[in-house]
Amino acid sequence: MSNLPAKTHHVSFLRRHWKPAAITGAGGAAVVVWFDEVVMFGEEILALIFLPLLAGVIYLFDNFVFKSHLPRREDLNKPDRDRNNGK
């Protein structure tokens, strides 16, 4: 047995963890910016798809709710004196 201490091979912290440091550093920022751009592009495409659909829903809602503002056929067939309060 030797009295010499066993050699321990210590690797620096940065050398062991350079990949996570690169990902969370500038590389991570680039990935986040890229992901943000992709999400915003998808959001714009979805807005363009859903805009005509929502306009159609609003148009149908307008027709169903406010259809009562149209004159009825019976009102159109009445004589003019009834429409002008008997004058």
PDB file of N, CA and C in Angstrom:
ATOM      1  N   MET A   1       0.821  -1.172   0.000  1.00  0.00           N
ATOM      2  CA  MET A   1       0.000   0.000   0.000  1.00  0.00           C
ATOM      3  C   MET A   1       0.868   1.238   0.000  1.00  0.00           C
ATOM      4  N   SER A   2       0.423   2.119  -0.702  1.00  0.00           N
ATOM      5  CA  SER A   2       1.155   3.369  -0.819  1.00  0.00           C
ATOM      6  C   SER A   2       0.514   4.418   0.069  1.00  0.00           C
ATOM      7  N   ASN A   3       1.323   5.300   0.552  1.00  0.00           N
ATOM      8  CA  ASN A   3       0.817   6.379   1.399  1.00  0.00           C
ATOM      9  C   ASN A   3       0.388   7.599   0.582  1.00  0.00           C
ATOM     10  N   LEU A   4       0.478   7.518  -0.717  1.00  0.00           N
ATOM     11  CA  LEU A   4       0.074   8.637  -1.564  1.00  0.00           C
ATOM     12  C   LEU A   4      -1.452   8.680  -1.660  1.00  0.00           C
ATOM     13  N   PRO A   5      -2.012   9.860  -1.591  1.00  0.00           N
ATOM     14  CA  PRO A   5      -3.475   9.945  -1.704  1.00  0.00           C
ATOM     15  C   PRO A   5      -3.912   9.594  -3.121  1.00  0.00           C
ATOM     16  N   ALA A   6      -5.089   9.054  -3.212  1.00  0.00           N
ATOM     17  CA  ALA A   6      -5.624   8.686  -4.537  1.00  0.00           C
ATOM     18  C   ALA A   6      -5.915   9.953  -5.322  1.00  0.00           C
ATOM     19  N   LYS A   7      -5.589   9.914  -6.582  1.00  0.00           N
ATOM     20  CA  LYS A   7      -5.833  11.076  -7.424  1.00  0.00           C
ATOM     21  C   LYS A   7      -7.326  11.153  -7.738  1.00  0.00           C
ATOM     22  N   THR A   8      -7.862  12.289  -7.455  1.00  0.00           N
ATOM     23  CA  THR A   8      -9.263  12.513  -7.826  1.00  0.00           C
ATOM     24  C   THR A   8      -9.272  13.466  -9.002  1.00  0.00           C
ATOM     25  N   HIS A   9      -9.982  13.109  -9.959  1.00  0.00           N
ATOM     26  CA  HIS A   9     -10.049  13.891 -11.194  1.00  0.00           C
ATOM     27  C   HIS A   9     -11.225  14.847 -11.081  1.00  0.00           C
ATOM     28  N   HIS A  10     -10.943  16.107 -10.750  1.00  0.00           N
ATOM     29  CA  HIS A  10     -12.000  17.112 -10.636  1.00  0.00           C
ATOM     30  C   HIS A  10     -12.096  17.873 -11.952  1.00  0.00           C
ATOM     31  N   VAL A  11     -13.267  17.854 -12.486  1.00  0.00           N
ATOM     32  CA  VAL A  11     -13.534  18.623 -13.699  1.00  0.00           C
ATOM     33  C   VAL A  11     -14.259  19.887 -13.270  1.00  0.00           C
ATOM     34  N   SER A  12     -13.923  20.988 -13.890  1.00  0.00           N
ATOM     35  CA  SER A  12     -14.532  22.258 -13.480  1.00  0.00           C
ATOM     36  C   SER A  12     -16.043  22.239 -13.719  1.00  0.00           C
ATOM     37  N   PHE A  13     -16.683  23.079 -12.944  1.00  0.00           N
ATOM     38  CA  PHE A  13     -18.148  23.150 -13.016  1.00  0.00           C
ATOM     39  C   PHE A  13     -18.604  23.577 -14.412  1.00  0.00           C
ATOM     40  N   LEU A  14     -17.944  24.565 -14.999  1.00  0.00           N
ATOM     41  CA  LEU A  14     -18.330  25.055 -16.314  1.00  0.00           C
ATOM     42  C   LEU A  14     -18.092  24.005 -17.397  1.00  0.00           C
ATOM     43  N   ARG A  15     -17.022  23.245 -17.239  1.00  0.00           N
ATOM     44  CA  ARG A  15     -16.737  22.212 -18.222  1.00  0.00           C
ATOM     45  C   ARG A  15     -17.767  21.085 -18.174  1.00  0.00           C
ATOM     46  N   ARG A  16     -18.274  20.793 -16.989  1.00  0.00           N
ATOM     47  CA  ARG A  16     -19.293  19.744 -16.878  1.00  0.00           C
ATOM     48  C   ARG A  16     -20.648  20.227 -17.369  1.00  0.00           C
ATOM     49  N   HIS A  17     -20.948  21.508 -17.176  1.00  0.00           N
ATOM     50  CA  HIS A  17     -22.300  22.007 -17.456  1.00  0.00           C
ATOM     51  C   HIS A  17     -22.307  23.081 -18.540  1.00  0.00           C
ATOM     52  N   TRP A  18     -21.518  22.932 -19.573  1.00  0.00           N
ATOM     53  CA  TRP A  18     -21.480  23.950 -20.605  1.00  0.00           C
ATOM     54  C   TRP A  18     -22.705  23.894 -21.499  1.00  0.00           C
ATOM     55  N   LYS A  19     -23.268  22.709 -21.696  1.00  0.00           N
ATOM     56  CA  LYS A  19     -24.453  22.626 -22.560  1.00  0.00           C
ATOM     57  C   LYS A  19     -25.665  23.299 -21.923  1.00  0.00           C
ATOM     58  N   PRO A  20     -26.008  22.992 -20.674  1.00  0.00           N
ATOM     59  CA  PRO A  20     -27.127  23.732 -20.068  1.00  0.00           C
ATOM     60  C   PRO A  20     -26.865  25.234 -19.962  1.00  0.00           C
ATOM     61  N   ALA A  21     -25.593  25.604 -19.763  1.00  0.00           N
ATOM     62  CA  ALA A  21     -25.268  27.035 -19.693  1.00  0.00           C
ATOM     63  C   ALA A  21     -25.485  27.688 -21.056  1.00  0.00           C
ATOM     64  N   ALA A  22     -25.128  26.993 -22.114  1.00  0.00           N
ATOM     65  CA  ALA A  22     -25.337  27.543 -23.461  1.00  0.00           C
ATOM     66  C   ALA A  22     -26.822  27.634 -23.789  1.00  0.00           C
ATOM     67  N   ILE A  23     -27.574  26.629 -23.345  1.00  0.00           N
ATOM     68  CA  ILE A  23     -29.014  26.633 -23.632  1.00  0.00           C
ATOM     69  C   ILE A  23     -29.715  27.760 -22.885  1.00  0.00           C
ATOM     70  N   THR A  24     -29.363  27.955 -21.630  1.00  0.00           N
ATOM     71  CA  THR A  24     -30.010  29.014 -20.854  1.00  0.00           C
ATOM     72  C   THR A  24     -29.401  30.374 -21.113  1.00  0.00           C
ATOM     73  N   GLY A  25     -28.274  30.425 -21.784  1.00  0.00           N
ATOM     74  CA  GLY A  25     -27.637  31.699 -22.105  1.00  0.00           C
ATOM     75  C   GLY A  25     -28.164  32.224 -23.424  1.00  0.00           C
ATOM     76  N   ALA A  26     -27.279  32.568 -24.317  1.00  0.00           N
ATOM     77  CA  ALA A  26     -27.659  33.160 -25.596  1.00  0.00           C
ATOM     78  C   ALA A  26     -28.436  32.177 -26.454  1.00  0.00           C
ATOM     79  N   GLY A  27     -28.064  30.911 -26.409  1.00  0.00           N
ATOM     80  CA  GLY A  27     -28.782  29.919 -27.207  1.00  0.00           C
ATOM     81  C   GLY A  27     -30.220  29.773 -26.742  1.00  0.00           C
ATOM     82  N   GLY A  28     -30.423  29.825 -25.436  1.00  0.00           N
ATOM     83  CA  GLY A  28     -31.778  29.740 -24.894  1.00  0.00           C
ATOM     84  C   GLY A  28     -32.618  30.935 -25.299  1.00  0.00           C
ATOM     85  N   ALA A  29     -32.006  32.108 -25.322  1.00  0.00           N
ATOM     86  CA  ALA A  29     -32.736  33.302 -25.748  1.00  0.00           C
ATOM     87  C   ALA A  29     -33.127  33.195 -27.211  1.00  0.00           C
ATOM     88  N   ALA A  30     -32.248  32.660 -28.037  1.00  0.00           N
ATOM     89  CA  ALA A  30     -32.571  32.500 -29.452  1.00  0.00           C
ATOM     90  C   ALA A  30     -33.722  31.520 -29.631  1.00  0.00           C
ATOM     91  N   VAL A  31     -33.716  30.440 -28.861  1.00  0.00           N
ATOM     92  CA  VAL A  31     -34.802  29.463 -28.960  1.00  0.00           C
ATOM     93  C   VAL A  31     -36.112  30.078 -28.501  1.00  0.00           C
ATOM     94  N   VAL A  32     -36.079  30.853 -27.430  1.00  0.00           N
ATOM     95  CA  VAL A  32     -37.297  31.486 -26.928  1.00  0.00           C
ATOM     96  C   VAL A  32     -37.831  32.497 -27.930  1.00  0.00           C
ATOM     97  N   VAL A  33     -36.966  33.296 -28.529  1.00  0.00           N
ATOM     98  CA  VAL A  33     -37.404  34.269 -29.538  1.00  0.00           C
ATOM     99  C   VAL A  33     -37.981  33.551 -30.745  1.00  0.00           C
ATOM    100  N   TRP A  34     -37.335  32.496 -31.193  1.00  0.00           N
ATOM    101  CA  TRP A  34     -37.846  31.721 -32.320  1.00  0.00           C
ATOM    102  C   TRP A  34     -39.204  31.128 -31.999  1.00  0.00           C
ATOM    103  N   PHE A  35     -39.351  30.544 -30.811  1.00  0.00           N
ATOM    104  CA  PHE A  35     -40.628  29.966 -30.406  1.00  0.00           C
ATOM    105  C   PHE A  35     -41.710  31.038 -30.331  1.00  0.00           C
ATOM    106  N   ASP A  36     -41.359  32.216 -29.833  1.00  0.00           N
ATOM    107  CA  ASP A  36     -42.314  33.311 -29.751  1.00  0.00           C
ATOM    108  C   ASP A  36     -42.771  33.737 -31.139  1.00  0.00           C
ATOM    109  N   GLU A  37     -41.854  33.799 -32.091  1.00  0.00           N
ATOM    110  CA  GLU A  37     -42.218  34.166 -33.462  1.00  0.00           C
ATOM    111  C   GLU A  37     -43.154  33.124 -34.077  1.00  0.00           C
ATOM    112  N   VAL A  38     -42.889  31.856 -33.835  1.00  0.00           N
ATOM    113  CA  VAL A  38     -43.748  30.799 -34.375  1.00  0.00           C
ATOM    114  C   VAL A  38     -45.145  30.887 -33.764  1.00  0.00           C
ATOM    115  N   VAL A  39     -45.208  31.137 -32.461  1.00  0.00           N
ATOM    116  CA  VAL A  39     -46.510  31.252 -31.791  1.00  0.00           C
ATOM    117  C   VAL A  39     -47.275  32.465 -32.314  1.00  0.00           C
ATOM    118  N   MET A  40     -46.599  33.582 -32.501  1.00  0.00           N
ATOM    119  CA  MET A  40     -47.285  34.780 -33.010  1.00  0.00           C
ATOM    120  C   MET A  40     -47.761  34.576 -34.445  1.00  0.00           C
ATOM    121  N   PHE A  41     -46.983  33.878 -35.272  1.00  0.00           N
ATOM    122  CA  PHE A  41     -47.408  33.572 -36.634  1.00  0.00           C
ATOM    123  C   PHE A  41     -48.645  32.694 -36.616  1.00  0.00           C
ATOM    124  N   GLY A  42     -48.652  31.674 -35.757  1.00  0.00           N
ATOM    125  CA  GLY A  42     -49.827  30.818 -35.636  1.00  0.00           C
ATOM    126  C   GLY A  42     -51.043  31.578 -35.143  1.00  0.00           C
ATOM    127  N   GLU A  43     -50.832  32.504 -34.235  1.00  0.00           N
ATOM    128  CA  GLU A  43     -51.933  33.320 -33.724  1.00  0.00           C
ATOM    129  C   GLU A  43     -52.539  34.177 -34.837  1.00  0.00           C
ATOM    130  N   GLU A  44     -51.694  34.742 -35.674  1.00  0.00           N
ATOM    131  CA  GLU A  44     -52.194  35.555 -36.780  1.00  0.00           C
ATOM    132  C   GLU A  44     -52.957  34.712 -37.793  1.00  0.00           C
ATOM    133  N   ILE A  45     -52.465  33.524 -38.082  1.00  0.00           N
ATOM    134  CA  ILE A  45     -53.160  32.636 -39.015  1.00  0.00           C
ATOM    135  C   ILE A  45     -54.516  32.234 -38.443  1.00  0.00           C
ATOM    136  N   LEU A  46     -54.556  31.886 -37.154  1.00  0.00           N
ATOM    137  CA  LEU A  46     -55.836  31.531 -36.533  1.00  0.00           C
ATOM    138  C   LEU A  46     -56.801  32.702 -36.541  1.00  0.00           C
ATOM    139  N   ALA A  47     -56.295  33.912 -36.340  1.00  0.00           N
ATOM    140  CA  ALA A  47     -57.170  35.089 -36.391  1.00  0.00           C
ATOM    141  C   ALA A  47     -57.755  35.264 -37.784  1.00  0.00           C
ATOM    142  N   LEU A  48     -56.953  35.051 -38.810  1.00  0.00           N
ATOM    143  CA  LEU A  48     -57.464  35.166 -40.169  1.00  0.00           C
ATOM    144  C   LEU A  48     -58.471  34.073 -40.497  1.00  0.00           C
ATOM    145  N   ILE A  49     -58.318  32.905 -39.898  1.00  0.00           N
ATOM    146  CA  ILE A  49     -59.271  31.817 -40.134  1.00  0.00           C
ATOM    147  C   ILE A  49     -60.576  32.082 -39.399  1.00  0.00           C
ATOM    148  N   PHE A  50     -60.489  32.525 -38.146  1.00  0.00           N
ATOM    149  CA  PHE A  50     -61.688  32.674 -37.340  1.00  0.00           C
ATOM    150  C   PHE A  50     -62.434  33.983 -37.572  1.00  0.00           C
ATOM    151  N   LEU A  51     -61.811  34.967 -38.190  1.00  0.00           N
ATOM    152  CA  LEU A  51     -62.492  36.236 -38.431  1.00  0.00           C
ATOM    153  C   LEU A  51     -63.728  36.077 -39.311  1.00  0.00           C
ATOM    154  N   PRO A  52     -63.664  35.398 -40.464  1.00  0.00           N
ATOM    155  CA  PRO A  52     -64.892  35.204 -41.249  1.00  0.00           C
ATOM    156  C   PRO A  52     -65.923  34.322 -40.529  1.00  0.00           C
ATOM    157  N   LEU A  53     -65.445  33.351 -39.764  1.00  0.00           N
ATOM    158  CA  LEU A  53     -66.390  32.500 -39.036  1.00  0.00           C
ATOM    159  C   LEU A  53     -67.154  33.302 -37.988  1.00  0.00           C
ATOM    160  N   LEU A  54     -66.449  34.145 -37.248  1.00  0.00           N
ATOM    161  CA  LEU A  54     -67.123  34.971 -36.248  1.00  0.00           C
ATOM    162  C   LEU A  54     -68.024  36.005 -36.899  1.00  0.00           C
ATOM    163  N   ALA A  55     -67.639  36.532 -38.038  1.00  0.00           N
ATOM    164  CA  ALA A  55     -68.497  37.473 -38.751  1.00  0.00           C
ATOM    165  C   ALA A  55     -69.780  36.778 -39.193  1.00  0.00           C
ATOM    166  N   GLY A  56     -69.684  35.529 -39.628  1.00  0.00           N
ATOM    167  CA  GLY A  56     -70.877  34.772 -40.003  1.00  0.00           C
ATOM    168  C   GLY A  56     -71.788  34.520 -38.819  1.00  0.00           C
ATOM    169  N   VAL A  57     -71.206  34.215 -37.673  1.00  0.00           N
ATOM    170  CA  VAL A  57     -72.017  33.990 -36.471  1.00  0.00           C
ATOM    171  C   VAL A  57     -72.733  35.273 -36.064  1.00  0.00           C
ATOM    172  N   ILE A  58     -72.036  36.395 -36.123  1.00  0.00           N
ATOM    173  CA  ILE A  58     -72.660  37.677 -35.779  1.00  0.00           C
ATOM    174  C   ILE A  58     -73.756  38.023 -36.782  1.00  0.00           C
ATOM    175  N   TYR A  59     -73.544  37.742 -38.047  1.00  0.00           N
ATOM    176  CA  TYR A  59     -74.560  38.002 -39.069  1.00  0.00           C
ATOM    177  C   TYR A  59     -75.809  37.161 -38.825  1.00  0.00           C
ATOM    178  N   LEU A  60     -75.636  35.879 -38.512  1.00  0.00           N
ATOM    179  CA  LEU A  60     -76.794  35.023 -38.219  1.00  0.00           C
ATOM    180  C   LEU A  60     -77.509  35.485 -36.954  1.00  0.00           C
ATOM    181  N   PHE A  61     -76.757  35.868 -35.928  1.00  0.00           N
ATOM    182  CA  PHE A  61     -77.358  36.383 -34.709  1.00  0.00           C
ATOM    183  C   PHE A  61     -78.174  37.632 -34.999  1.00  0.00           C
ATOM    184  N   ASP A  62     -77.636  38.510 -35.839  1.00  0.00           N
ATOM    185  CA  ASP A  62     -78.359  39.725 -36.209  1.00  0.00           C
ATOM    186  C   ASP A  62     -79.659  39.383 -36.933  1.00  0.00           C
ATOM    187  N   ASN A  63     -79.618  38.425 -37.841  1.00  0.00           N
ATOM    188  CA  ASN A  63     -80.831  38.064 -38.568  1.00  0.00           C
ATOM    189  C   ASN A  63     -81.887  37.447 -37.660  1.00  0.00           C
ATOM    190  N   PHE A  64     -81.483  36.595 -36.746  1.00  0.00           N
ATOM    191  CA  PHE A  64     -82.459  35.937 -35.875  1.00  0.00           C
ATOM    192  C   PHE A  64     -83.027  36.872 -34.821  1.00  0.00           C
ATOM    193  N   VAL A  65     -82.205  37.715 -34.250  1.00  0.00           N
ATOM    194  CA  VAL A  65     -82.662  38.574 -33.156  1.00  0.00           C
ATOM    195  C   VAL A  65     -83.449  39.767 -33.673  1.00  0.00           C
ATOM    196  N   PHE A  66     -82.985  40.393 -34.729  1.00  0.00           N
ATOM    197  CA  PHE A  66     -83.597  41.634 -35.187  1.00  0.00           C
ATOM    198  C   PHE A  66     -84.509  41.438 -36.392  1.00  0.00           C
ATOM    199  N   LYS A  67     -84.991  40.228 -36.615  1.00  0.00           N
ATOM    200  CA  LYS A  67     -85.903  39.988 -37.728  1.00  0.00           C
ATOM    201  C   LYS A  67     -87.252  40.646 -37.463  1.00  0.00           C
ATOM    202  N   SER A  68     -87.587  40.923 -36.212  1.00  0.00           N
ATOM    203  CA  SER A  68     -88.875  41.515 -35.885  1.00  0.00           C
ATOM    204  C   SER A  68     -88.980  42.969 -36.342  1.00  0.00           C
ATOM    205  N   HIS A  69     -87.891  43.601 -36.711  1.00  0.00           N
ATOM    206  CA  HIS A  69     -87.979  44.987 -37.169  1.00  0.00           C
ATOM    207  C   HIS A  69     -88.530  45.080 -38.588  1.00  0.00           C
ATOM    208  N   LEU A  70     -88.604  43.979 -39.306  1.00  0.00           N
ATOM    209  CA  LEU A  70     -89.159  43.978 -40.653  1.00  0.00           C
ATOM    210  C   LEU A  70     -90.688  44.042 -40.566  1.00  0.00           C
ATOM    211  N   PRO A  71     -91.332  44.756 -41.472  1.00  0.00           N
ATOM    212  CA  PRO A  71     -92.795  44.798 -41.428  1.00  0.00           C
ATOM    213  C   PRO A  71     -93.397  43.445 -41.786  1.00  0.00           C
ATOM    214  N   ARG A  72     -94.519  43.145 -41.150  1.00  0.00           N
ATOM    215  CA  ARG A  72     -95.211  41.896 -41.460  1.00  0.00           C
ATOM    216  C   ARG A  72     -96.018  42.055 -42.740  1.00  0.00           C
ATOM    217  N   ARG A  73     -96.355  40.946 -43.335  1.00  0.00           N
ATOM    218  CA  ARG A  73     -97.121  40.969 -44.579  1.00  0.00           C
ATOM    219  C   ARG A  73     -98.509  41.589 -44.348  1.00  0.00           C
ATOM    220  N   GLU A  74     -99.114  41.341 -43.186  1.00  0.00           N
ATOM    221  CA  GLU A  74    -100.435  41.902 -42.883  1.00  0.00           C
ATOM    222  C   GLU A  74    -100.368  43.429 -42.790  1.00  0.00           C
ATOM    223  N   ASP A  75     -99.264  43.936 -42.241  1.00  0.00           N
ATOM    224  CA  ASP A  75     -99.117  45.384 -42.136  1.00  0.00           C
ATOM    225  C   ASP A  75     -98.971  46.044 -43.505  1.00  0.00           C
ATOM    226  N   LEU A  76     -98.344  45.356 -44.432  1.00  0.00           N
ATOM    227  CA  LEU A  76     -98.158  45.917 -45.765  1.00  0.00           C
ATOM    228  C   LEU A  76     -99.460  45.908 -46.563  1.00  0.00           C
ATOM    229  N   ASN A  77    -100.370  44.983 -46.293  1.00  0.00           N
ATOM    230  CA  ASN A  77    -101.611  44.864 -47.054  1.00  0.00           C
ATOM    231  C   ASN A  77    -102.715  45.770 -46.533  1.00  0.00           C
ATOM    232  N   LYS A  78    -102.546  46.452 -45.421  1.00  0.00           N
ATOM    233  CA  LYS A  78    -103.578  47.346 -44.894  1.00  0.00           C
ATOM    234  C   LYS A  78    -103.723  48.565 -45.794  1.00  0.00           C
ATOM    235  N   PRO A  79    -104.907  49.121 -45.837  1.00  0.00           N
ATOM    236  CA  PRO A  79    -105.091  50.349 -46.641  1.00  0.00           C
ATOM    237  C   PRO A  79    -104.311  51.518 -46.041  1.00  0.00           C
ATOM    238  N   ASP A  80    -104.114  52.535 -46.855  1.00  0.00           N
ATOM    239  CA  ASP A  80    -103.325  53.693 -46.430  1.00  0.00           C
ATOM    240  C   ASP A  80    -103.979  54.451 -45.294  1.00  0.00           C
ATOM    241  N   ARG A  81    -105.305  54.501 -45.218  1.00  0.00           N
ATOM    242  CA  ARG A  81    -105.956  55.288 -44.181  1.00  0.00           C
ATOM    243  C   ARG A  81    -105.694  54.694 -42.809  1.00  0.00           C
ATOM    244  N   ASP A  82    -105.514  53.381 -42.719  1.00  0.00           N
ATOM    245  CA  ASP A  82    -105.203  52.770 -41.432  1.00  0.00           C
ATOM    246  C   ASP A  82    -103.769  53.094 -41.017  1.00  0.00           C
ATOM    247  N   ARG A  83    -102.911  53.213 -41.977  1.00  0.00           N
ATOM    248  CA  ARG A  83    -101.521  53.522 -41.682  1.00  0.00           C
ATOM    249  C   ARG A  83    -101.342  54.986 -41.259  1.00  0.00           C
ATOM    250  N   ASN A  84    -102.201  55.874 -41.775  1.00  0.00           N
ATOM    251  CA  ASN A  84    -102.068  57.303 -41.476  1.00  0.00           C
ATOM    252  C   ASN A  84    -103.026  57.747 -40.393  1.00  0.00           C
ATOM    253  N   ASN A  85    -103.412  56.857 -39.496  1.00  0.00           N
ATOM    254  CA  ASN A  85    -104.288  57.168 -38.376  1.00  0.00           C
ATOM    255  C   ASN A  85    -105.651  57.699 -38.818  1.00  0.00           C
ATOM    256  N   GLY A  86    -106.178  57.192 -39.905  1.00  0.00           N
ATOM    257  CA  GLY A  86    -107.516  57.551 -40.353  1.00  0.00           C
ATOM    258  C   GLY A  86    -107.616  58.852 -41.107  1.00  0.00           C
ATOM    259  N   LYS A  87    -106.565  59.481 -41.445  1.00  0.00           N
ATOM    260  CA  LYS A  87    -106.631  60.766 -42.148  1.00  0.00           C
ATOM    261  C   LYS A  87    -106.636  60.555 -43.647  1.00  0.00           C
TER     262      LYS A  87
END
